[in-house]
Amino acid sequence: RGRLKIAAAAMAARCRFAARFHRVHGANVRLDASRTRATRVESFANGLCFSQEPLAPGQIFLVEIEEKELGWCGHLRVGLTAHDPQSLEVVPEYSLPDLVNMGDTWVFAITRSHNRVTVDGEEAPAWSPPGDPFLLIERVRIPRDTLVGRSRPGRYSHILDDLYKMNVLPATARRSRIGVLYAPQPDGTADMHIVINGEDMGPSARRLPAARPLYAVVDVFASTKSVRVIPVEYGFPSLQTLCRLVIQKHIVHRLAIDGLDLPPPLKSFCQHE
């Protein structure tokens, strides 16, 4: 049991550290001071970003769409690469096809709908609102609560939140949360999975070299203007998360949090996260 706790703590620490963008990125990307928010400041391309560290097996790199930009065709692209961003002489203009053409890179273009990948020629099963608090992808268990976006606090935000939980809104909408991970296979390779608002899209790439370091790729492309990295807690939830769950359970609506006698950071966390 002691070893399991140590392993869980190590995984949690690794995930917190990796939940930020790499210093190497596309020419049109600007990162905030924490390197958790990436914004494309001009054009529609040169928006490539990478995870700070290679991902661990089963570790999801999750981002939320914060801003959109009208007038462009195309949306966010995510995936994995075996290229160390630090080793790139020039960051490619596009993930598709430029980075993919360099080899050892697998990228999935997010669309408004129909993002599911058919497995072995079989028809993808219909999605239904899950009751399990964890999303199970092969042997990987991820807390669902973090995977689903939330609207900004407002009179009708609870209705919008329900739509996100039911995965009704388009995958490319603001507040949608999109993540990428790889699941190891018995033959030593790995399958890449894309998760959109708590739903696994299936193995969108197979036979990845699991023995090599794999970095997350996030292409802030076209109509996607800005994204934010969402830390995912593995193992036991933090005290802050537990407080949020208790507070939300005893209020009618998130607007009521403003009237509670709570520290401002906790209020903000309960309203927005």
C-alpha atoms as a PDB file:
ATOM      1  CA  ARG A   1       0.000   0.000   0.000  1.00  0.00           C
ATOM      2  CA  GLY A   2       2.865   2.341   0.838  1.00  0.00           C
ATOM      3  CA  ARG A   3       4.411   1.813  -2.602  1.00  0.00           C
ATOM      4  CA  LEU A   4       1.084   2.553  -4.257  1.00  0.00           C
ATOM      5  CA  LYS A   5       0.784   5.843  -2.357  1.00  0.00           C
ATOM      6  CA  ILE A   6       4.310   6.834  -3.351  1.00  0.00           C
ATOM      7  CA  ALA A   7       3.634   5.939  -6.979  1.00  0.00           C
ATOM      8  CA  ALA A   8       0.350   7.914  -6.944  1.00  0.00           C
ATOM      9  CA  ALA A   9       2.086  10.937  -5.402  1.00  0.00           C
ATOM     10  CA  ALA A  10       4.871  10.739  -7.995  1.00  0.00           C
ATOM     11  CA  MET A  11       2.324  10.525 -10.815  1.00  0.00           C
ATOM     12  CA  ALA A  12       0.394  13.489  -9.409  1.00  0.00           C
ATOM     13  CA  ALA A  13       3.563  15.581  -9.161  1.00  0.00           C
ATOM     14  CA  ARG A  14       4.583  14.629 -12.694  1.00  0.00           C
ATOM     15  CA  CYS A  15       1.147  15.527 -14.060  1.00  0.00           C
ATOM     16  CA  ARG A  16       1.152  18.932 -12.354  1.00  0.00           C
ATOM     17  CA  PHE A  17       4.600  19.718 -13.756  1.00  0.00           C
ATOM     18  CA  ALA A  18       3.716  18.491 -17.251  1.00  0.00           C
ATOM     19  CA  ALA A  19       0.440  20.455 -17.349  1.00  0.00           C
ATOM     20  CA  ARG A  20       2.033  23.369 -19.147  1.00  0.00           C
ATOM     21  CA  PHE A  21       3.314  24.188 -22.607  1.00  0.00           C
ATOM     22  CA  HIS A  22       6.896  23.816 -23.785  1.00  0.00           C
ATOM     23  CA  ARG A  23       8.971  26.952 -24.284  1.00  0.00           C
ATOM     24  CA  VAL A  24       9.386  25.932 -27.936  1.00  0.00           C
ATOM     25  CA  HIS A  25       6.303  26.810 -29.988  1.00  0.00           C
ATOM     26  CA  GLY A  26       5.066  28.264 -33.275  1.00  0.00           C
ATOM     27  CA  ALA A  27       5.988  31.782 -34.369  1.00  0.00           C
ATOM     28  CA  ASN A  28       2.451  33.149 -33.867  1.00  0.00           C
ATOM     29  CA  VAL A  29       1.937  31.688 -30.388  1.00  0.00           C
ATOM     30  CA  ARG A  30       2.153  33.715 -27.198  1.00  0.00           C
ATOM     31  CA  LEU A  31       2.224  31.921 -23.836  1.00  0.00           C
ATOM     32  CA  ASP A  32       1.212  33.478 -20.533  1.00  0.00           C
ATOM     33  CA  ALA A  33       3.665  33.649 -17.619  1.00  0.00           C
ATOM     34  CA  SER A  34       2.605  30.230 -16.293  1.00  0.00           C
ATOM     35  CA  ARG A  35       2.816  28.653 -19.745  1.00  0.00           C
ATOM     36  CA  THR A  36      -0.658  27.205 -19.268  1.00  0.00           C
ATOM     37  CA  ARG A  37      -2.416  29.404 -21.840  1.00  0.00           C
ATOM     38  CA  ALA A  38      -1.482  29.578 -25.524  1.00  0.00           C
ATOM     39  CA  THR A  39      -2.889  32.266 -27.817  1.00  0.00           C
ATOM     40  CA  ARG A  40      -2.332  32.632 -31.561  1.00  0.00           C
ATOM     41  CA  VAL A  41      -1.853  36.366 -31.995  1.00  0.00           C
ATOM     42  CA  GLU A  42      -2.060  36.632 -35.789  1.00  0.00           C
ATOM     43  CA  SER A  43      -2.803  34.739 -39.004  1.00  0.00           C
ATOM     44  CA  PHE A  44      -4.326  31.243 -38.819  1.00  0.00           C
ATOM     45  CA  ALA A  45      -1.150  29.122 -38.793  1.00  0.00           C
ATOM     46  CA  ASN A  46       2.176  28.847 -36.923  1.00  0.00           C
ATOM     47  CA  GLY A  47       0.178  27.886 -33.823  1.00  0.00           C
ATOM     48  CA  LEU A  48       2.016  24.691 -32.859  1.00  0.00           C
ATOM     49  CA  CYS A  49       2.506  23.956 -29.149  1.00  0.00           C
ATOM     50  CA  PHE A  50       3.937  20.996 -27.247  1.00  0.00           C
ATOM     51  CA  SER A  51       3.714  19.632 -23.726  1.00  0.00           C
ATOM     52  CA  GLN A  52       6.512  20.665 -21.383  1.00  0.00           C
ATOM     53  CA  GLU A  53       7.481  17.029 -20.763  1.00  0.00           C
ATOM     54  CA  PRO A  54       6.913  13.684 -22.490  1.00  0.00           C
ATOM     55  CA  LEU A  55       3.672  12.084 -21.327  1.00  0.00           C
ATOM     56  CA  ALA A  56       3.642   9.051 -19.068  1.00  0.00           C
ATOM     57  CA  PRO A  57       1.607   6.020 -20.215  1.00  0.00           C
ATOM     58  CA  GLY A  58      -2.076   6.805 -19.630  1.00  0.00           C
ATOM     59  CA  GLN A  59      -1.383  10.443 -18.754  1.00  0.00           C
ATOM     60  CA  ILE A  60      -3.786  12.794 -20.519  1.00  0.00           C
ATOM     61  CA  PHE A  61      -2.755  16.230 -21.750  1.00  0.00           C
ATOM     62  CA  LEU A  62      -6.001  18.198 -21.538  1.00  0.00           C
ATOM     63  CA  VAL A  63      -6.776  21.655 -22.928  1.00  0.00           C
ATOM     64  CA  GLU A  64      -9.877  23.833 -22.884  1.00  0.00           C
ATOM     65  CA  ILE A  65     -10.826  26.081 -25.788  1.00  0.00           C
ATOM     66  CA  GLU A  66     -10.932  29.610 -24.381  1.00  0.00           C
ATOM     67  CA  GLU A  67     -11.283  31.847 -27.438  1.00  0.00           C
ATOM     68  CA  LYS A  68     -12.489  31.407 -31.021  1.00  0.00           C
ATOM     69  CA  GLU A  69     -11.804  33.581 -34.062  1.00  0.00           C
ATOM     70  CA  LEU A  70     -14.316  33.962 -36.873  1.00  0.00           C
ATOM     71  CA  GLY A  71     -13.360  33.971 -40.517  1.00  0.00           C
ATOM     72  CA  TRP A  72     -11.132  30.893 -40.646  1.00  0.00           C
ATOM     73  CA  CYS A  73     -11.875  27.325 -41.766  1.00  0.00           C
ATOM     74  CA  GLY A  74     -10.608  24.524 -39.542  1.00  0.00           C
ATOM     75  CA  HIS A  75     -10.266  23.917 -35.828  1.00  0.00           C
ATOM     76  CA  LEU A  76      -7.956  22.641 -33.113  1.00  0.00           C
ATOM     77  CA  ARG A  77      -5.605  19.748 -33.894  1.00  0.00           C
ATOM     78  CA  VAL A  78      -4.088  17.492 -31.245  1.00  0.00           C
ATOM     79  CA  GLY A  79      -1.818  14.475 -31.167  1.00  0.00           C
ATOM     80  CA  LEU A  80       1.531  13.061 -30.140  1.00  0.00           C
ATOM     81  CA  THR A  81       5.083  13.301 -31.452  1.00  0.00           C
ATOM     82  CA  ALA A  82       8.296  11.453 -30.698  1.00  0.00           C
ATOM     83  CA  HIS A  83      10.294  14.564 -31.649  1.00  0.00           C
ATOM     84  CA  ASP A  84      11.744  16.476 -28.713  1.00  0.00           C
ATOM     85  CA  PRO A  85      10.573  20.076 -29.322  1.00  0.00           C
ATOM     86  CA  GLN A  86      13.974  21.316 -28.173  1.00  0.00           C
ATOM     87  CA  SER A  87      15.587  19.453 -31.077  1.00  0.00           C
ATOM     88  CA  LEU A  88      13.513  21.177 -33.774  1.00  0.00           C
ATOM     89  CA  GLU A  89      15.587  23.621 -35.799  1.00  0.00           C
ATOM     90  CA  VAL A  90      12.387  25.324 -36.950  1.00  0.00           C
ATOM     91  CA  VAL A  91       8.885  24.748 -35.618  1.00  0.00           C
ATOM     92  CA  PRO A  92       6.726  23.697 -38.597  1.00  0.00           C
ATOM     93  CA  GLU A  93       3.961  26.002 -39.756  1.00  0.00           C
ATOM     94  CA  TYR A  94       1.300  23.288 -39.530  1.00  0.00           C
ATOM     95  CA  SER A  95       0.887  20.044 -37.611  1.00  0.00           C
ATOM     96  CA  LEU A  96      -0.935  18.668 -40.663  1.00  0.00           C
ATOM     97  CA  PRO A  97       0.850  17.971 -42.914  1.00  0.00           C
ATOM     98  CA  ASP A  98       4.216  19.555 -42.009  1.00  0.00           C
ATOM     99  CA  LEU A  99       4.974  17.998 -38.604  1.00  0.00           C
ATOM    100  CA  VAL A 100       3.378  14.672 -39.562  1.00  0.00           C
ATOM    101  CA  ASN A 101       5.526  14.520 -42.715  1.00  0.00           C
ATOM    102  CA  MET A 102       8.616  14.610 -40.499  1.00  0.00           C
ATOM    103  CA  GLY A 103       7.623  11.149 -39.270  1.00  0.00           C
ATOM    104  CA  ASP A 104       7.007   9.767 -35.770  1.00  0.00           C
ATOM    105  CA  THR A 105       4.075  12.160 -35.332  1.00  0.00           C
ATOM    106  CA  TRP A 106       0.359  11.411 -35.113  1.00  0.00           C
ATOM    107  CA  VAL A 107      -2.158  14.274 -35.265  1.00  0.00           C
ATOM    108  CA  PHE A 108      -5.962  14.270 -35.200  1.00  0.00           C
ATOM    109  CA  ALA A 109      -8.016  17.176 -36.563  1.00  0.00           C
ATOM    110  CA  ILE A 110     -10.997  18.054 -34.339  1.00  0.00           C
ATOM    111  CA  THR A 111     -14.257  18.784 -36.159  1.00  0.00           C
ATOM    112  CA  ARG A 112     -17.627  20.073 -34.975  1.00  0.00           C
ATOM    113  CA  SER A 113     -18.975  16.512 -34.921  1.00  0.00           C
ATOM    114  CA  HIS A 114     -18.256  12.933 -36.007  1.00  0.00           C
ATOM    115  CA  ASN A 115     -14.911  12.703 -34.233  1.00  0.00           C
ATOM    116  CA  ARG A 116     -15.348   9.063 -33.281  1.00  0.00           C
ATOM    117  CA  VAL A 117     -12.921   6.585 -34.845  1.00  0.00           C
ATOM    118  CA  THR A 118     -14.346   3.286 -36.068  1.00  0.00           C
ATOM    119  CA  VAL A 119     -12.523   0.317 -34.556  1.00  0.00           C
ATOM    120  CA  ASP A 120     -11.675  -2.615 -36.866  1.00  0.00           C
ATOM    121  CA  GLY A 121     -14.442  -1.732 -39.293  1.00  0.00           C
ATOM    122  CA  GLU A 122     -17.145  -1.918 -36.633  1.00  0.00           C
ATOM    123  CA  GLU A 123     -19.731   0.777 -36.188  1.00  0.00           C
ATOM    124  CA  ALA A 124     -18.918   3.008 -33.215  1.00  0.00           C
ATOM    125  CA  PRO A 125     -21.356   2.492 -30.335  1.00  0.00           C
ATOM    126  CA  ALA A 126     -23.757   5.293 -29.489  1.00  0.00           C
ATOM    127  CA  TRP A 127     -22.633   7.481 -26.614  1.00  0.00           C
ATOM    128  CA  SER A 128     -24.824   7.858 -23.539  1.00  0.00           C
ATOM    129  CA  PRO A 129     -24.322  10.010 -20.427  1.00  0.00           C
ATOM    130  CA  PRO A 130     -22.046   7.908 -18.165  1.00  0.00           C
ATOM    131  CA  GLY A 131     -22.707   7.365 -14.477  1.00  0.00           C
ATOM    132  CA  ASP A 132     -19.217   6.154 -13.607  1.00  0.00           C
ATOM    133  CA  PRO A 133     -17.068   8.954 -12.100  1.00  0.00           C
ATOM    134  CA  PHE A 134     -14.081   7.644 -14.053  1.00  0.00           C
ATOM    135  CA  LEU A 135     -13.544   7.343 -17.790  1.00  0.00           C
ATOM    136  CA  LEU A 136     -12.036   3.934 -18.540  1.00  0.00           C
ATOM    137  CA  ILE A 137      -9.766   3.681 -21.596  1.00  0.00           C
ATOM    138  CA  GLU A 138      -8.420   0.146 -21.674  1.00  0.00           C
ATOM    139  CA  ARG A 139      -6.571   0.025 -18.318  1.00  0.00           C
ATOM    140  CA  VAL A 140      -6.434   3.801 -17.835  1.00  0.00           C
ATOM    141  CA  ARG A 141      -8.863   5.455 -15.384  1.00  0.00           C
ATOM    142  CA  ILE A 142      -9.352   9.237 -15.600  1.00  0.00           C
ATOM    143  CA  PRO A 143     -11.684  11.339 -13.361  1.00  0.00           C
ATOM    144  CA  ARG A 144     -14.576  12.445 -15.583  1.00  0.00           C
ATOM    145  CA  ASP A 145     -15.291  15.667 -13.681  1.00  0.00           C
ATOM    146  CA  THR A 146     -12.104  17.304 -14.960  1.00  0.00           C
ATOM    147  CA  LEU A 147     -12.732  16.212 -18.528  1.00  0.00           C
ATOM    148  CA  VAL A 148     -15.961  18.195 -18.941  1.00  0.00           C
ATOM    149  CA  GLY A 149     -15.895  21.966 -19.459  1.00  0.00           C
ATOM    150  CA  ARG A 150     -18.002  24.497 -17.600  1.00  0.00           C
ATOM    151  CA  SER A 151     -19.591  27.720 -18.780  1.00  0.00           C
ATOM    152  CA  ARG A 152     -18.879  31.097 -17.265  1.00  0.00           C
ATOM    153  CA  PRO A 153     -21.121  31.846 -14.274  1.00  0.00           C
ATOM    154  CA  GLY A 154     -24.440  33.305 -15.345  1.00  0.00           C
ATOM    155  CA  ARG A 155     -28.198  32.989 -14.954  1.00  0.00           C
ATOM    156  CA  TYR A 156     -28.427  30.126 -17.431  1.00  0.00           C
ATOM    157  CA  SER A 157     -24.972  28.627 -17.006  1.00  0.00           C
ATOM    158  CA  HIS A 158     -26.385  25.517 -15.305  1.00  0.00           C
ATOM    159  CA  ILE A 159     -28.280  24.702 -18.527  1.00  0.00           C
ATOM    160  CA  LEU A 160     -25.112  25.113 -20.567  1.00  0.00           C
ATOM    161  CA  ASP A 161     -23.185  22.973 -18.087  1.00  0.00           C
ATOM    162  CA  ASP A 162     -25.711  20.167 -18.517  1.00  0.00           C
ATOM    163  CA  LEU A 163     -25.250  20.356 -22.282  1.00  0.00           C
ATOM    164  CA  TYR A 164     -21.486  19.997 -21.856  1.00  0.00           C
ATOM    165  CA  LYS A 165     -21.956  17.002 -19.553  1.00  0.00           C
ATOM    166  CA  MET A 166     -24.241  15.382 -22.149  1.00  0.00           C
ATOM    167  CA  ASN A 167     -21.680  16.191 -24.878  1.00  0.00           C
ATOM    168  CA  VAL A 168     -24.383  17.959 -26.911  1.00  0.00           C
ATOM    169  CA  LEU A 169     -22.420  21.083 -27.838  1.00  0.00           C
ATOM    170  CA  PRO A 170     -19.944  20.935 -30.737  1.00  0.00           C
ATOM    171  CA  ALA A 171     -16.475  19.666 -29.905  1.00  0.00           C
ATOM    172  CA  THR A 172     -15.031  22.923 -31.240  1.00  0.00           C
ATOM    173  CA  ALA A 173     -17.154  25.181 -28.995  1.00  0.00           C
ATOM    174  CA  ARG A 174     -15.703  27.442 -26.313  1.00  0.00           C
ATOM    175  CA  ARG A 175     -15.277  25.580 -23.001  1.00  0.00           C
ATOM    176  CA  SER A 176     -14.916  22.235 -24.751  1.00  0.00           C
ATOM    177  CA  ARG A 177     -12.122  20.173 -23.230  1.00  0.00           C
ATOM    178  CA  ILE A 178      -9.996  18.028 -25.514  1.00  0.00           C
ATOM    179  CA  GLY A 179      -7.225  15.705 -24.410  1.00  0.00           C
ATOM    180  CA  VAL A 180      -4.736  13.233 -25.840  1.00  0.00           C
ATOM    181  CA  LEU A 181      -3.066  10.203 -24.263  1.00  0.00           C
ATOM    182  CA  TYR A 182      -1.512   6.889 -25.233  1.00  0.00           C
ATOM    183  CA  ALA A 183      -2.500   3.482 -23.893  1.00  0.00           C
ATOM    184  CA  PRO A 184       0.244   0.798 -23.897  1.00  0.00           C
ATOM    185  CA  GLN A 185      -0.498  -2.482 -25.685  1.00  0.00           C
ATOM    186  CA  PRO A 186       0.736  -6.033 -24.915  1.00  0.00           C
ATOM    187  CA  ASP A 187       3.056  -6.012 -27.959  1.00  0.00           C
ATOM    188  CA  GLY A 188       5.026  -3.039 -26.602  1.00  0.00           C
ATOM    189  CA  THR A 189       3.388  -0.442 -28.833  1.00  0.00           C
ATOM    190  CA  ALA A 190       0.660   2.047 -27.869  1.00  0.00           C
ATOM    191  CA  ASP A 191      -2.653   3.384 -29.150  1.00  0.00           C
ATOM    192  CA  MET A 192      -3.335   7.131 -29.217  1.00  0.00           C
ATOM    193  CA  HIS A 193      -6.721   8.176 -27.856  1.00  0.00           C
ATOM    194  CA  ILE A 194      -8.464  11.534 -28.140  1.00  0.00           C
ATOM    195  CA  VAL A 195     -10.958  12.480 -25.397  1.00  0.00           C
ATOM    196  CA  ILE A 196     -13.577  15.166 -26.073  1.00  0.00           C
ATOM    197  CA  ASN A 197     -15.735  16.425 -23.191  1.00  0.00           C
ATOM    198  CA  GLY A 198     -15.392  13.179 -21.283  1.00  0.00           C
ATOM    199  CA  GLU A 199     -15.938  10.866 -24.270  1.00  0.00           C
ATOM    200  CA  ASP A 200     -13.231   8.597 -25.657  1.00  0.00           C
ATOM    201  CA  MET A 201     -13.073   8.927 -29.446  1.00  0.00           C
ATOM    202  CA  GLY A 202     -11.385   5.547 -29.800  1.00  0.00           C
ATOM    203  CA  PRO A 203      -7.860   4.657 -30.980  1.00  0.00           C
ATOM    204  CA  SER A 204      -7.148   7.345 -33.569  1.00  0.00           C
ATOM    205  CA  ALA A 205      -3.620   5.998 -34.179  1.00  0.00           C
ATOM    206  CA  ARG A 206      -2.113   2.582 -33.485  1.00  0.00           C
ATOM    207  CA  ARG A 207       1.323   1.024 -33.010  1.00  0.00           C
ATOM    208  CA  LEU A 208       3.014   4.114 -31.604  1.00  0.00           C
ATOM    209  CA  PRO A 209       6.540   3.457 -30.228  1.00  0.00           C
ATOM    210  CA  ALA A 210       5.702   3.392 -26.516  1.00  0.00           C
ATOM    211  CA  ALA A 211       9.366   2.946 -25.584  1.00  0.00           C
ATOM    212  CA  ARG A 212      10.192   6.423 -26.956  1.00  0.00           C
ATOM    213  CA  PRO A 213       9.317   9.715 -25.205  1.00  0.00           C
ATOM    214  CA  LEU A 214       6.035  11.026 -26.615  1.00  0.00           C
ATOM    215  CA  TYR A 215       5.126  14.717 -26.339  1.00  0.00           C
ATOM    216  CA  ALA A 216       1.618  16.103 -26.703  1.00  0.00           C
ATOM    217  CA  VAL A 217       0.991  18.248 -29.779  1.00  0.00           C
ATOM    218  CA  VAL A 218      -1.591  21.066 -29.691  1.00  0.00           C
ATOM    219  CA  ASP A 219      -2.071  23.070 -32.879  1.00  0.00           C
ATOM    220  CA  VAL A 220      -3.959  26.301 -32.129  1.00  0.00           C
ATOM    221  CA  PHE A 221      -5.202  26.410 -35.685  1.00  0.00           C
ATOM    222  CA  ALA A 222      -7.626  28.586 -37.694  1.00  0.00           C
ATOM    223  CA  SER A 223     -10.860  29.281 -35.778  1.00  0.00           C
ATOM    224  CA  THR A 224      -9.303  28.173 -32.460  1.00  0.00           C
ATOM    225  CA  LYS A 225      -7.697  31.298 -31.014  1.00  0.00           C
ATOM    226  CA  SER A 226      -6.652  30.395 -27.470  1.00  0.00           C
ATOM    227  CA  VAL A 227      -6.472  27.268 -25.299  1.00  0.00           C
ATOM    228  CA  ARG A 228      -5.661  26.622 -21.649  1.00  0.00           C
ATOM    229  CA  VAL A 229      -4.064  23.537 -20.105  1.00  0.00           C
ATOM    230  CA  ILE A 230      -6.288  21.825 -17.518  1.00  0.00           C
ATOM    231  CA  PRO A 231      -4.425  19.888 -14.790  1.00  0.00           C
ATOM    232  CA  VAL A 232      -5.883  16.430 -14.198  1.00  0.00           C
ATOM    233  CA  GLU A 233      -5.707  14.952 -10.711  1.00  0.00           C
ATOM    234  CA  TYR A 234      -4.893  11.266 -10.551  1.00  0.00           C
ATOM    235  CA  GLY A 235      -5.441   9.371  -7.321  1.00  0.00           C
ATOM    236  CA  PHE A 236      -6.916  11.299  -4.413  1.00  0.00           C
ATOM    237  CA  PRO A 237      -8.545  14.678  -5.187  1.00  0.00           C
ATOM    238  CA  SER A 238      -7.005  17.800  -3.673  1.00  0.00           C
ATOM    239  CA  LEU A 239      -8.520  19.573  -0.673  1.00  0.00           C
ATOM    240  CA  GLN A 240      -9.470  22.451  -2.990  1.00  0.00           C
ATOM    241  CA  THR A 241     -11.417  20.082  -5.235  1.00  0.00           C
ATOM    242  CA  LEU A 242     -13.182  18.472  -2.266  1.00  0.00           C
ATOM    243  CA  CYS A 243     -14.191  21.922  -0.948  1.00  0.00           C
ATOM    244  CA  ARG A 244     -15.600  22.823  -4.369  1.00  0.00           C
ATOM    245  CA  LEU A 245     -17.694  19.649  -4.511  1.00  0.00           C
ATOM    246  CA  VAL A 246     -19.152  20.267  -1.030  1.00  0.00           C
ATOM    247  CA  ILE A 247     -19.940  23.925  -1.783  1.00  0.00           C
ATOM    248  CA  GLN A 248     -21.563  23.145  -5.130  1.00  0.00           C
ATOM    249  CA  LYS A 249     -23.683  20.440  -3.527  1.00  0.00           C
ATOM    250  CA  HIS A 250     -25.284  22.951  -1.133  1.00  0.00           C
ATOM    251  CA  ILE A 251     -26.035  25.844  -3.471  1.00  0.00           C
ATOM    252  CA  VAL A 252     -28.787  26.309  -6.034  1.00  0.00           C
ATOM    253  CA  HIS A 253     -26.618  28.056  -8.611  1.00  0.00           C
ATOM    254  CA  ARG A 254     -23.004  29.175  -9.008  1.00  0.00           C
ATOM    255  CA  LEU A 255     -24.053  32.837  -8.824  1.00  0.00           C
ATOM    256  CA  ALA A 256     -24.891  32.197  -5.148  1.00  0.00           C
ATOM    257  CA  ILE A 257     -21.179  31.636  -4.436  1.00  0.00           C
ATOM    258  CA  ASP A 258     -20.634  35.419  -4.603  1.00  0.00           C
ATOM    259  CA  GLY A 259     -22.655  35.825  -1.392  1.00  0.00           C
ATOM    260  CA  LEU A 260     -20.716  33.217   0.601  1.00  0.00           C
ATOM    261  CA  ASP A 261     -18.091  34.169   3.161  1.00  0.00           C
ATOM    262  CA  LEU A 262     -15.186  32.467   1.370  1.00  0.00           C
ATOM    263  CA  PRO A 263     -11.658  33.490   0.343  1.00  0.00           C
ATOM    264  CA  PRO A 264     -11.719  35.068  -3.147  1.00  0.00           C
ATOM    265  CA  PRO A 265      -9.417  32.409  -4.716  1.00  0.00           C
ATOM    266  CA  LEU A 266     -11.746  29.630  -3.518  1.00  0.00           C
ATOM    267  CA  LYS A 267     -14.778  31.528  -4.855  1.00  0.00           C
ATOM    268  CA  SER A 268     -13.134  31.856  -8.248  1.00  0.00           C
ATOM    269  CA  PHE A 269     -12.160  28.187  -8.289  1.00  0.00           C
ATOM    270  CA  CYS A 270     -15.723  27.086  -7.448  1.00  0.00           C
ATOM    271  CA  GLN A 271     -17.257  29.323 -10.083  1.00  0.00           C
ATOM    272  CA  HIS A 272     -14.941  28.788 -13.018  1.00  0.00           C
ATOM    273  CA  GLU A 273     -13.165  25.447 -12.783  1.00  0.00           C
END
